[in-house]
Amino acid sequence: DMNLINQLGGYHQAKNWLDKNEIHVKHGYLEKYRAELFQHRREHGIFEVGDSFLNYGDDQVYKVATVNVGNLRGHSGDDIVWTYVGRFGLRHATDEEIKAGHRL
């Protein structure tokens, strides 16, 4: 059972396909595919709108608001942070950190 990313030749191809076809995906597969893409982003440091992340030197969990050519804008309530993708210490928040709302 090859995963969606392997079947379609890469993360971006799989993401584009899912974005265009999600209303046609059989029930039960949509969440599986979304989880696969999310896990791939966590493993490879890819950030998309809605992903939760931690910024270097800050214990606050932020959500990605926008991604724009190498930088992203995150928010937590009224707090806004600009940061660069790939910057030292920038990483996805774990499920536990998302629940807690801060770095663990």
PDB file of N, CA and C in Angstrom:
ATOM      1  N   ASP A   1       0.854  -1.194   0.000  1.00  0.00           N
ATOM      2  CA  ASP A   1       0.000   0.000   0.000  1.00  0.00           C
ATOM      3  C   ASP A   1       0.887   1.241   0.000  1.00  0.00           C
ATOM      4  N   MET A   2       1.169   1.759  -1.183  1.00  0.00           N
ATOM      5  CA  MET A   2       1.971   2.969  -1.282  1.00  0.00           C
ATOM      6  C   MET A   2       1.186   4.171  -0.772  1.00  0.00           C
ATOM      7  N   ASN A   3       1.892   5.101  -0.150  1.00  0.00           N
ATOM      8  CA  ASN A   3       1.193   6.285   0.334  1.00  0.00           C
ATOM      9  C   ASN A   3       0.949   7.269  -0.806  1.00  0.00           C
ATOM     10  N   LEU A   4       0.121   8.266  -0.522  1.00  0.00           N
ATOM     11  CA  LEU A   4      -0.281   9.244  -1.531  1.00  0.00           C
ATOM     12  C   LEU A   4       0.914  10.008  -2.091  1.00  0.00           C
ATOM     13  N   ILE A   5       1.842  10.390  -1.217  1.00  0.00           N
ATOM     14  CA  ILE A   5       3.010  11.161  -1.650  1.00  0.00           C
ATOM     15  C   ILE A   5       3.842  10.357  -2.653  1.00  0.00           C
ATOM     16  N   ASN A   6       4.082   9.082  -2.359  1.00  0.00           N
ATOM     17  CA  ASN A   6       4.846   8.232  -3.281  1.00  0.00           C
ATOM     18  C   ASN A   6       4.085   7.997  -4.580  1.00  0.00           C
ATOM     19  N   GLN A   7       2.767   7.779  -4.468  1.00  0.00           N
ATOM     20  CA  GLN A   7       1.956   7.518  -5.664  1.00  0.00           C
ATOM     21  C   GLN A   7       1.990   8.689  -6.631  1.00  0.00           C
ATOM     22  N   LEU A   8       1.983   9.914  -6.086  1.00  0.00           N
ATOM     23  CA  LEU A   8       1.866  11.099  -6.938  1.00  0.00           C
ATOM     24  C   LEU A   8       3.196  11.803  -7.194  1.00  0.00           C
ATOM     25  N   GLY A   9       4.296  11.238  -6.689  1.00  0.00           N
ATOM     26  CA  GLY A   9       5.615  11.729  -7.044  1.00  0.00           C
ATOM     27  C   GLY A   9       6.133  12.891  -6.216  1.00  0.00           C
ATOM     28  N   GLY A  10       5.620  13.061  -5.008  1.00  0.00           N
ATOM     29  CA  GLY A  10       6.160  14.092  -4.136  1.00  0.00           C
ATOM     30  C   GLY A  10       5.092  14.805  -3.331  1.00  0.00           C
ATOM     31  N   TYR A  11       5.548  15.510  -2.300  1.00  0.00           N
ATOM     32  CA  TYR A  11       4.627  16.185  -1.382  1.00  0.00           C
ATOM     33  C   TYR A  11       3.759  17.218  -2.093  1.00  0.00           C
ATOM     34  N   HIS A  12       4.375  18.100  -2.868  1.00  0.00           N
ATOM     35  CA  HIS A  12       3.614  19.196  -3.483  1.00  0.00           C
ATOM     36  C   HIS A  12       2.584  18.681  -4.484  1.00  0.00           C
ATOM     37  N   GLN A  13       2.940  17.628  -5.227  1.00  0.00           N
ATOM     38  CA  GLN A  13       1.980  17.026  -6.146  1.00  0.00           C
ATOM     39  C   GLN A  13       0.800  16.432  -5.367  1.00  0.00           C
ATOM     40  N   ALA A  14       1.098  15.744  -4.261  1.00  0.00           N
ATOM     41  CA  ALA A  14       0.040  15.143  -3.444  1.00  0.00           C
ATOM     42  C   ALA A  14      -0.853  16.218  -2.823  1.00  0.00           C
ATOM     43  N   LYS A  15      -0.242  17.296  -2.320  1.00  0.00           N
ATOM     44  CA  LYS A  15      -1.003  18.393  -1.711  1.00  0.00           C
ATOM     45  C   LYS A  15      -1.909  19.043  -2.750  1.00  0.00           C
ATOM     46  N   ASN A  16      -1.376  19.340  -3.929  1.00  0.00           N
ATOM     47  CA  ASN A  16      -2.178  19.953  -4.994  1.00  0.00           C
ATOM     48  C   ASN A  16      -3.329  19.050  -5.415  1.00  0.00           C
ATOM     49  N   TRP A  17      -3.045  17.749  -5.567  1.00  0.00           N
ATOM     50  CA  TRP A  17      -4.086  16.802  -5.945  1.00  0.00           C
ATOM     51  C   TRP A  17      -5.188  16.764  -4.892  1.00  0.00           C
ATOM     52  N   LEU A  18      -4.813  16.698  -3.620  1.00  0.00           N
ATOM     53  CA  LEU A  18      -5.811  16.614  -2.557  1.00  0.00           C
ATOM     54  C   LEU A  18      -6.637  17.894  -2.480  1.00  0.00           C
ATOM     55  N   ASP A  19      -5.984  19.051  -2.619  1.00  0.00           N
ATOM     56  CA  ASP A  19      -6.708  20.324  -2.615  1.00  0.00           C
ATOM     57  C   ASP A  19      -7.765  20.372  -3.729  1.00  0.00           C
ATOM     58  N   LYS A  20      -7.410  19.868  -4.909  1.00  0.00           N
ATOM     59  CA  LYS A  20      -8.331  19.915  -6.052  1.00  0.00           C
ATOM     60  C   LYS A  20      -9.421  18.847  -5.976  1.00  0.00           C
ATOM     61  N   ASN A  21      -9.123  17.707  -5.339  1.00  0.00           N
ATOM     62  CA  ASN A  21     -10.021  16.554  -5.410  1.00  0.00           C
ATOM     63  C   ASN A  21     -10.656  16.134  -4.093  1.00  0.00           C
ATOM     64  N   GLU A  22     -10.469  16.914  -3.028  1.00  0.00           N
ATOM     65  CA  GLU A  22     -10.914  16.427  -1.722  1.00  0.00           C
ATOM     66  C   GLU A  22     -12.411  16.125  -1.668  1.00  0.00           C
ATOM     67  N   ILE A  23     -13.234  16.831  -2.430  1.00  0.00           N
ATOM     68  CA  ILE A  23     -14.671  16.529  -2.399  1.00  0.00           C
ATOM     69  C   ILE A  23     -14.993  15.188  -3.057  1.00  0.00           C
ATOM     70  N   HIS A  24     -14.056  14.650  -3.857  1.00  0.00           N
ATOM     71  CA  HIS A  24     -14.271  13.380  -4.548  1.00  0.00           C
ATOM     72  C   HIS A  24     -13.599  12.198  -3.845  1.00  0.00           C
ATOM     73  N   VAL A  25     -12.814  12.481  -2.798  1.00  0.00           N
ATOM     74  CA  VAL A  25     -12.085  11.412  -2.105  1.00  0.00           C
ATOM     75  C   VAL A  25     -13.073  10.588  -1.275  1.00  0.00           C
ATOM     76  N   LYS A  26     -12.954   9.272  -1.361  1.00  0.00           N
ATOM     77  CA  LYS A  26     -13.851   8.378  -0.631  1.00  0.00           C
ATOM     78  C   LYS A  26     -13.812   8.655   0.868  1.00  0.00           C
ATOM     79  N   HIS A  27     -14.959   8.503   1.497  1.00  0.00           N
ATOM     80  CA  HIS A  27     -15.069   8.712   2.937  1.00  0.00           C
ATOM     81  C   HIS A  27     -14.051   7.839   3.670  1.00  0.00           C
ATOM     82  N   GLY A  28     -13.369   8.412   4.638  1.00  0.00           N
ATOM     83  CA  GLY A  28     -12.370   7.671   5.392  1.00  0.00           C
ATOM     84  C   GLY A  28     -10.953   7.878   4.881  1.00  0.00           C
ATOM     85  N   TYR A  29     -10.800   8.204   3.604  1.00  0.00           N
ATOM     86  CA  TYR A  29      -9.468   8.403   3.058  1.00  0.00           C
ATOM     87  C   TYR A  29      -8.973   9.838   3.229  1.00  0.00           C
ATOM     88  N   LEU A  30      -9.894  10.801   3.263  1.00  0.00           N
ATOM     89  CA  LEU A  30      -9.506  12.202   3.345  1.00  0.00           C
ATOM     90  C   LEU A  30      -8.665  12.472   4.584  1.00  0.00           C
ATOM     91  N   GLU A  31      -9.123  12.019   5.750  1.00  0.00           N
ATOM     92  CA  GLU A  31      -8.369  12.231   6.986  1.00  0.00           C
ATOM     93  C   GLU A  31      -7.043  11.483   6.952  1.00  0.00           C
ATOM     94  N   LYS A  32      -7.031  10.286   6.365  1.00  0.00           N
ATOM     95  CA  LYS A  32      -5.791   9.510   6.232  1.00  0.00           C
ATOM     96  C   LYS A  32      -4.781  10.281   5.393  1.00  0.00           C
ATOM     97  N   TYR A  33      -5.219  10.821   4.255  1.00  0.00           N
ATOM     98  CA  TYR A  33      -4.323  11.578   3.383  1.00  0.00           C
ATOM     99  C   TYR A  33      -3.852  12.866   4.054  1.00  0.00           C
ATOM    100  N   ARG A  34      -4.769  13.566   4.729  1.00  0.00           N
ATOM    101  CA  ARG A  34      -4.381  14.795   5.425  1.00  0.00           C
ATOM    102  C   ARG A  34      -3.352  14.503   6.513  1.00  0.00           C
ATOM    103  N   ALA A  35      -3.558  13.416   7.251  1.00  0.00           N
ATOM    104  CA  ALA A  35      -2.616  13.027   8.304  1.00  0.00           C
ATOM    105  C   ALA A  35      -1.253  12.682   7.710  1.00  0.00           C
ATOM    106  N   GLU A  36      -1.252  12.007   6.561  1.00  0.00           N
ATOM    107  CA  GLU A  36      -0.005  11.656   5.885  1.00  0.00           C
ATOM    108  C   GLU A  36       0.757  12.918   5.474  1.00  0.00           C
ATOM    109  N   LEU A  37       0.043  13.892   4.894  1.00  0.00           N
ATOM    110  CA  LEU A  37       0.683  15.133   4.476  1.00  0.00           C
ATOM    111  C   LEU A  37       1.213  15.903   5.688  1.00  0.00           C
ATOM    112  N   PHE A  38       0.422  15.937   6.758  1.00  0.00           N
ATOM    113  CA  PHE A  38       0.846  16.640   7.972  1.00  0.00           C
ATOM    114  C   PHE A  38       2.096  15.993   8.571  1.00  0.00           C
ATOM    115  N   GLN A  39       2.123  14.676   8.644  1.00  0.00           N
ATOM    116  CA  GLN A  39       3.295  13.974   9.176  1.00  0.00           C
ATOM    117  C   GLN A  39       4.525  14.270   8.331  1.00  0.00           C
ATOM    118  N   HIS A  40       4.346  14.311   7.021  1.00  0.00           N
ATOM    119  CA  HIS A  40       5.460  14.635   6.112  1.00  0.00           C
ATOM    120  C   HIS A  40       5.964  16.050   6.390  1.00  0.00           C
ATOM    121  N   ARG A  41       5.052  17.011   6.602  1.00  0.00           N
ATOM    122  CA  ARG A  41       5.467  18.380   6.913  1.00  0.00           C
ATOM    123  C   ARG A  41       6.260  18.415   8.206  1.00  0.00           C
ATOM    124  N   ARG A  42       5.793  17.714   9.230  1.00  0.00           N
ATOM    125  CA  ARG A  42       6.518  17.673  10.507  1.00  0.00           C
ATOM    126  C   ARG A  42       7.915  17.110  10.328  1.00  0.00           C
ATOM    127  N   GLU A  43       8.037  16.041   9.559  1.00  0.00           N
ATOM    128  CA  GLU A  43       9.336  15.378   9.375  1.00  0.00           C
ATOM    129  C   GLU A  43      10.301  16.199   8.527  1.00  0.00           C
ATOM    130  N   HIS A  44       9.786  17.043   7.637  1.00  0.00           N
ATOM    131  CA  HIS A  44      10.642  17.747   6.673  1.00  0.00           C
ATOM    132  C   HIS A  44      10.650  19.263   6.850  1.00  0.00           C
ATOM    133  N   GLY A  45      10.071  19.766   7.953  1.00  0.00           N
ATOM    134  CA  GLY A  45      10.126  21.201   8.221  1.00  0.00           C
ATOM    135  C   GLY A  45       9.362  22.050   7.222  1.00  0.00           C
ATOM    136  N   ILE A  46       8.265  21.505   6.703  1.00  0.00           N
ATOM    137  CA  ILE A  46       7.404  22.257   5.785  1.00  0.00           C
ATOM    138  C   ILE A  46       6.264  22.846   6.607  1.00  0.00           C
ATOM    139  N   PHE A  47       5.983  24.131   6.407  1.00  0.00           N
ATOM    140  CA  PHE A  47       4.928  24.794   7.164  1.00  0.00           C
ATOM    141  C   PHE A  47       3.851  25.306   6.226  1.00  0.00           C
ATOM    142  N   GLU A  48       2.600  25.054   6.611  1.00  0.00           N
ATOM    143  CA  GLU A  48       1.469  25.535   5.835  1.00  0.00           C
ATOM    144  C   GLU A  48       0.494  26.233   6.760  1.00  0.00           C
ATOM    145  N   VAL A  49      -0.375  27.047   6.178  1.00  0.00           N
ATOM    146  CA  VAL A  49      -1.372  27.782   6.947  1.00  0.00           C
ATOM    147  C   VAL A  49      -2.146  26.808   7.841  1.00  0.00           C
ATOM    148  N   GLY A  50      -2.249  27.175   9.115  1.00  0.00           N
ATOM    149  CA  GLY A  50      -2.962  26.348  10.083  1.00  0.00           C
ATOM    150  C   GLY A  50      -2.067  25.468  10.929  1.00  0.00           C
ATOM    151  N   ASP A  51      -0.821  25.219  10.479  1.00  0.00           N
ATOM    152  CA  ASP A  51       0.109  24.406  11.265  1.00  0.00           C
ATOM    153  C   ASP A  51       0.530  25.174  12.518  1.00  0.00           C
ATOM    154  N   SER A  52       0.730  24.455  13.612  1.00  0.00           N
ATOM    155  CA  SER A  52       1.210  25.065  14.852  1.00  0.00           C
ATOM    156  C   SER A  52       2.721  24.924  14.926  1.00  0.00           C
ATOM    157  N   PHE A  53       3.393  25.997  15.408  1.00  0.00           N
ATOM    158  CA  PHE A  53       4.850  25.957  15.474  1.00  0.00           C
ATOM    159  C   PHE A  53       5.362  26.711  16.691  1.00  0.00           C
ATOM    160  N   LEU A  54       6.624  26.444  17.006  1.00  0.00           N
ATOM    161  CA  LEU A  54       7.349  27.147  18.063  1.00  0.00           C
ATOM    162  C   LEU A  54       8.495  27.903  17.405  1.00  0.00           C
ATOM    163  N   ASN A  55       8.744  29.101  17.893  1.00  0.00           N
ATOM    164  CA  ASN A  55       9.789  29.957  17.369  1.00  0.00           C
ATOM    165  C   ASN A  55      10.964  29.945  18.348  1.00  0.00           C
ATOM    166  N   TYR A  56      12.170  30.075  17.830  1.00  0.00           N
ATOM    167  CA  TYR A  56      13.371  30.068  18.667  1.00  0.00           C
ATOM    168  C   TYR A  56      13.257  31.074  19.816  1.00  0.00           C
ATOM    169  N   GLY A  57      13.575  30.636  21.038  1.00  0.00           N
ATOM    170  CA  GLY A  57      13.628  31.528  22.186  1.00  0.00           C
ATOM    171  C   GLY A  57      12.277  31.982  22.699  1.00  0.00           C
ATOM    172  N   ASP A  58      11.215  31.318  22.295  1.00  0.00           N
ATOM    173  CA  ASP A  58       9.870  31.723  22.676  1.00  0.00           C
ATOM    174  C   ASP A  58       9.097  30.451  23.015  1.00  0.00           C
ATOM    175  N   ASP A  59       8.400  30.433  24.131  1.00  0.00           N
ATOM    176  CA  ASP A  59       7.671  29.228  24.536  1.00  0.00           C
ATOM    177  C   ASP A  59       6.240  29.179  24.029  1.00  0.00           C
ATOM    178  N   GLN A  60       5.798  30.244  23.367  1.00  0.00           N
ATOM    179  CA  GLN A  60       4.417  30.336  22.874  1.00  0.00           C
ATOM    180  C   GLN A  60       4.226  29.462  21.639  1.00  0.00           C
ATOM    181  N   VAL A  61       3.085  28.767  21.552  1.00  0.00           N
ATOM    182  CA  VAL A  61       2.715  28.041  20.333  1.00  0.00           C
ATOM    183  C   VAL A  61       1.958  29.009  19.426  1.00  0.00           C
ATOM    184  N   TYR A  62       2.424  29.130  18.190  1.00  0.00           N
ATOM    185  CA  TYR A  62       1.786  29.988  17.197  1.00  0.00           C
ATOM    186  C   TYR A  62       1.157  29.126  16.110  1.00  0.00           C
ATOM    187  N   LYS A  63       0.165  29.670  15.424  1.00  0.00           N
ATOM    188  CA  LYS A  63      -0.414  29.032  14.243  1.00  0.00           C
ATOM    189  C   LYS A  63       0.024  29.827  13.027  1.00  0.00           C
ATOM    190  N   VAL A  64       0.374  29.117  11.956  1.00  0.00           N
ATOM    191  CA  VAL A  64       0.781  29.791  10.726  1.00  0.00           C
ATOM    192  C   VAL A  64      -0.441  30.493  10.130  1.00  0.00           C
ATOM    193  N   ALA A  65      -0.301  31.801   9.904  1.00  0.00           N
ATOM    194  CA  ALA A  65      -1.368  32.597   9.284  1.00  0.00           C
ATOM    195  C   ALA A  65      -1.148  32.720   7.783  1.00  0.00           C
ATOM    196  N   THR A  66       0.090  32.996   7.387  1.00  0.00           N
ATOM    197  CA  THR A  66       0.431  33.089   5.963  1.00  0.00           C
ATOM    198  C   THR A  66       1.827  32.528   5.735  1.00  0.00           C
ATOM    199  N   VAL A  67       2.063  31.990   4.554  1.00  0.00           N
ATOM    200  CA  VAL A  67       3.388  31.537   4.130  1.00  0.00           C
ATOM    201  C   VAL A  67       3.674  32.273   2.833  1.00  0.00           C
ATOM    202  N   ASN A  68       4.839  32.912   2.769  1.00  0.00           N
ATOM    203  CA  ASN A  68       5.141  33.758   1.625  1.00  0.00           C
ATOM    204  C   ASN A  68       6.632  33.716   1.324  1.00  0.00           C
ATOM    205  N   VAL A  69       7.024  33.007   0.297  1.00  0.00           N
ATOM    206  CA  VAL A  69       8.408  32.921  -0.183  1.00  0.00           C
ATOM    207  C   VAL A  69       9.435  32.984   0.937  1.00  0.00           C
ATOM    208  N   GLY A  70       9.530  31.897   1.700  1.00  0.00           N
ATOM    209  CA  GLY A  70      10.613  31.796   2.671  1.00  0.00           C
ATOM    210  C   GLY A  70      10.322  32.355   4.039  1.00  0.00           C
ATOM    211  N   ASN A  71       9.200  33.053   4.229  1.00  0.00           N
ATOM    212  CA  ASN A  71       8.880  33.456   5.589  1.00  0.00           C
ATOM    213  C   ASN A  71       7.424  33.162   5.874  1.00  0.00           C
ATOM    214  N   LEU A  72       7.114  33.117   7.145  1.00  0.00           N
ATOM    215  CA  LEU A  72       5.740  32.860   7.507  1.00  0.00           C
ATOM    216  C   LEU A  72       5.314  33.823   8.603  1.00  0.00           C
ATOM    217  N   ARG A  73       4.027  34.058   8.650  1.00  0.00           N
ATOM    218  CA  ARG A  73       3.441  34.933   9.647  1.00  0.00           C
ATOM    219  C   ARG A  73       2.598  34.045  10.540  1.00  0.00           C
ATOM    220  N   GLY A  74       2.891  34.093  11.829  1.00  0.00           N
ATOM    221  CA  GLY A  74       2.147  33.280  12.769  1.00  0.00           C
ATOM    222  C   GLY A  74       1.368  34.141  13.723  1.00  0.00           C
ATOM    223  N   HIS A  75       0.340  33.563  14.319  1.00  0.00           N
ATOM    224  CA  HIS A  75      -0.439  34.311  15.295  1.00  0.00           C
ATOM    225  C   HIS A  75      -0.826  33.419  16.462  1.00  0.00           C
ATOM    226  N   SER A  76      -0.986  34.053  17.609  1.00  0.00           N
ATOM    227  CA  SER A  76      -1.519  33.404  18.796  1.00  0.00           C
ATOM    228  C   SER A  76      -2.370  34.457  19.472  1.00  0.00           C
ATOM    229  N   GLY A  77      -3.666  34.343  19.319  1.00  0.00           N
ATOM    230  CA  GLY A  77      -4.540  35.405  19.786  1.00  0.00           C
ATOM    231  C   GLY A  77      -4.200  36.670  19.029  1.00  0.00           C
ATOM    232  N   ASP A  78      -3.858  37.734  19.739  1.00  0.00           N
ATOM    233  CA  ASP A  78      -3.503  39.006  19.100  1.00  0.00           C
ATOM    234  C   ASP A  78      -2.011  39.127  18.824  1.00  0.00           C
ATOM    235  N   ASP A  79      -1.220  38.166  19.295  1.00  0.00           N
ATOM    236  CA  ASP A  79       0.231  38.231  19.102  1.00  0.00           C
ATOM    237  C   ASP A  79       0.588  37.762  17.697  1.00  0.00           C
ATOM    238  N   ILE A  80       1.357  38.583  16.992  1.00  0.00           N
ATOM    239  CA  ILE A  80       1.795  38.245  15.636  1.00  0.00           C
ATOM    240  C   ILE A  80       3.314  38.103  15.642  1.00  0.00           C
ATOM    241  N   VAL A  81       3.817  37.116  14.942  1.00  0.00           N
ATOM    242  CA  VAL A  81       5.266  36.946  14.823  1.00  0.00           C
ATOM    243  C   VAL A  81       5.602  36.698  13.352  1.00  0.00           C
ATOM    244  N   TRP A  82       6.655  37.362  12.861  1.00  0.00           N
ATOM    245  CA  TRP A  82       7.212  37.064  11.543  1.00  0.00           C
ATOM    246  C   TRP A  82       8.474  36.250  11.771  1.00  0.00           C
ATOM    247  N   THR A  83       8.646  35.223  11.013  1.00  0.00           N
ATOM    248  CA  THR A  83       9.853  34.431  11.160  1.00  0.00           C
ATOM    249  C   THR A  83      10.204  33.801   9.820  1.00  0.00           C
ATOM    250  N   TYR A  84      11.405  33.289   9.723  1.00  0.00           N
ATOM    251  CA  TYR A  84      11.870  32.692   8.481  1.00  0.00           C
ATOM    252  C   TYR A  84      11.844  31.181   8.562  1.00  0.00           C
ATOM    253  N   VAL A  85      11.287  30.559   7.563  1.00  0.00           N
ATOM    254  CA  VAL A  85      11.277  29.101   7.484  1.00  0.00           C
ATOM    255  C   VAL A  85      12.723  28.622   7.442  1.00  0.00           C
ATOM    256  N   GLY A  86      13.033  27.609   8.244  1.00  0.00           N
ATOM    257  CA  GLY A  86      14.377  27.072   8.287  1.00  0.00           C
ATOM    258  C   GLY A  86      15.260  27.759   9.313  1.00  0.00           C
ATOM    259  N   ARG A  87      14.755  28.796   9.956  1.00  0.00           N
ATOM    260  CA  ARG A  87      15.516  29.485  10.989  1.00  0.00           C
ATOM    261  C   ARG A  87      15.799  28.507  12.130  1.00  0.00           C
ATOM    262  N   PHE A  88      16.972  28.617  12.721  1.00  0.00           N
ATOM    263  CA  PHE A  88      17.347  27.726  13.815  1.00  0.00           C
ATOM    264  C   PHE A  88      16.275  27.757  14.897  1.00  0.00           C
ATOM    265  N   GLY A  89      15.811  26.588  15.298  1.00  0.00           N
ATOM    266  CA  GLY A  89      14.859  26.504  16.402  1.00  0.00           C
ATOM    267  C   GLY A  89      13.403  26.556  15.991  1.00  0.00           C
ATOM    268  N   LEU A  90      13.120  26.893  14.742  1.00  0.00           N
ATOM    269  CA  LEU A  90      11.734  26.899  14.278  1.00  0.00           C
ATOM    270  C   LEU A  90      11.319  25.461  14.011  1.00  0.00           C
ATOM    271  N   ARG A  91      10.227  25.045  14.632  1.00  0.00           N
ATOM    272  CA  ARG A  91       9.775  23.669  14.416  1.00  0.00           C
ATOM    273  C   ARG A  91       8.277  23.560  14.661  1.00  0.00           C
ATOM    274  N   HIS A  92       7.721  22.479  14.146  1.00  0.00           N
ATOM    275  CA  HIS A  92       6.317  22.176  14.408  1.00  0.00           C
ATOM    276  C   HIS A  92       6.134  21.898  15.898  1.00  0.00           C
ATOM    277  N   ALA A  93       5.022  22.334  16.436  1.00  0.00           N
ATOM    278  CA  ALA A  93       4.676  21.990  17.814  1.00  0.00           C
ATOM    279  C   ALA A  93       4.204  20.540  17.850  1.00  0.00           C
ATOM    280  N   THR A  94       4.491  19.858  18.945  1.00  0.00           N
ATOM    281  CA  THR A  94       3.996  18.493  19.105  1.00  0.00           C
ATOM    282  C   THR A  94       2.511  18.547  19.461  1.00  0.00           C
ATOM    283  N   ASP A  95       1.840  17.419  19.357  1.00  0.00           N
ATOM    284  CA  ASP A  95       0.419  17.365  19.745  1.00  0.00           C
ATOM    285  C   ASP A  95       0.236  17.806  21.196  1.00  0.00           C
ATOM    286  N   GLU A  96       1.159  17.402  22.066  1.00  0.00           N
ATOM    287  CA  GLU A  96       1.073  17.748  23.487  1.00  0.00           C
ATOM    288  C   GLU A  96       1.260  19.250  23.699  1.00  0.00           C
ATOM    289  N   GLU A  97       2.187  19.858  22.947  1.00  0.00           N
ATOM    290  CA  GLU A  97       2.415  21.299  23.058  1.00  0.00           C
ATOM    291  C   GLU A  97       1.225  22.095  22.536  1.00  0.00           C
ATOM    292  N   ILE A  98       0.595  21.588  21.480  1.00  0.00           N
ATOM    293  CA  ILE A  98      -0.592  22.249  20.946  1.00  0.00           C
ATOM    294  C   ILE A  98      -1.682  22.268  22.011  1.00  0.00           C
ATOM    295  N   LYS A  99      -1.888  21.132  22.677  1.00  0.00           N
ATOM    296  CA  LYS A  99      -2.904  21.055  23.740  1.00  0.00           C
ATOM    297  C   LYS A  99      -2.570  22.004  24.890  1.00  0.00           C
ATOM    298  N   ALA A 100      -1.288  22.036  25.282  1.00  0.00           N
ATOM    299  CA  ALA A 100      -0.868  22.853  26.428  1.00  0.00           C
ATOM    300  C   ALA A 100      -0.785  24.348  26.067  1.00  0.00           C
ATOM    301  N   GLY A 101      -0.526  24.641  24.791  1.00  0.00           N
ATOM    302  CA  GLY A 101      -0.416  26.024  24.348  1.00  0.00           C
ATOM    303  C   GLY A 101       0.965  26.640  24.528  1.00  0.00           C
ATOM    304  N   HIS A 102       1.950  25.798  24.874  1.00  0.00           N
ATOM    305  CA  HIS A 102       3.316  26.303  25.065  1.00  0.00           C
ATOM    306  C   HIS A 102       4.327  25.179  24.918  1.00  0.00           C
ATOM    307  N   ARG A 103       5.603  25.557  24.825  1.00  0.00           N
ATOM    308  CA  ARG A 103       6.699  24.605  24.695  1.00  0.00           C
ATOM    309  C   ARG A 103       6.754  23.693  25.919  1.00  0.00           C
ATOM    310  N   LEU A 104       6.961  22.409  25.709  1.00  0.00           N
ATOM    311  CA  LEU A 104       7.115  21.459  26.823  1.00  0.00           C
ATOM    312  C   LEU A 104       8.532  20.932  26.876  1.00  0.00           C
TER     313      LEU A 104
END
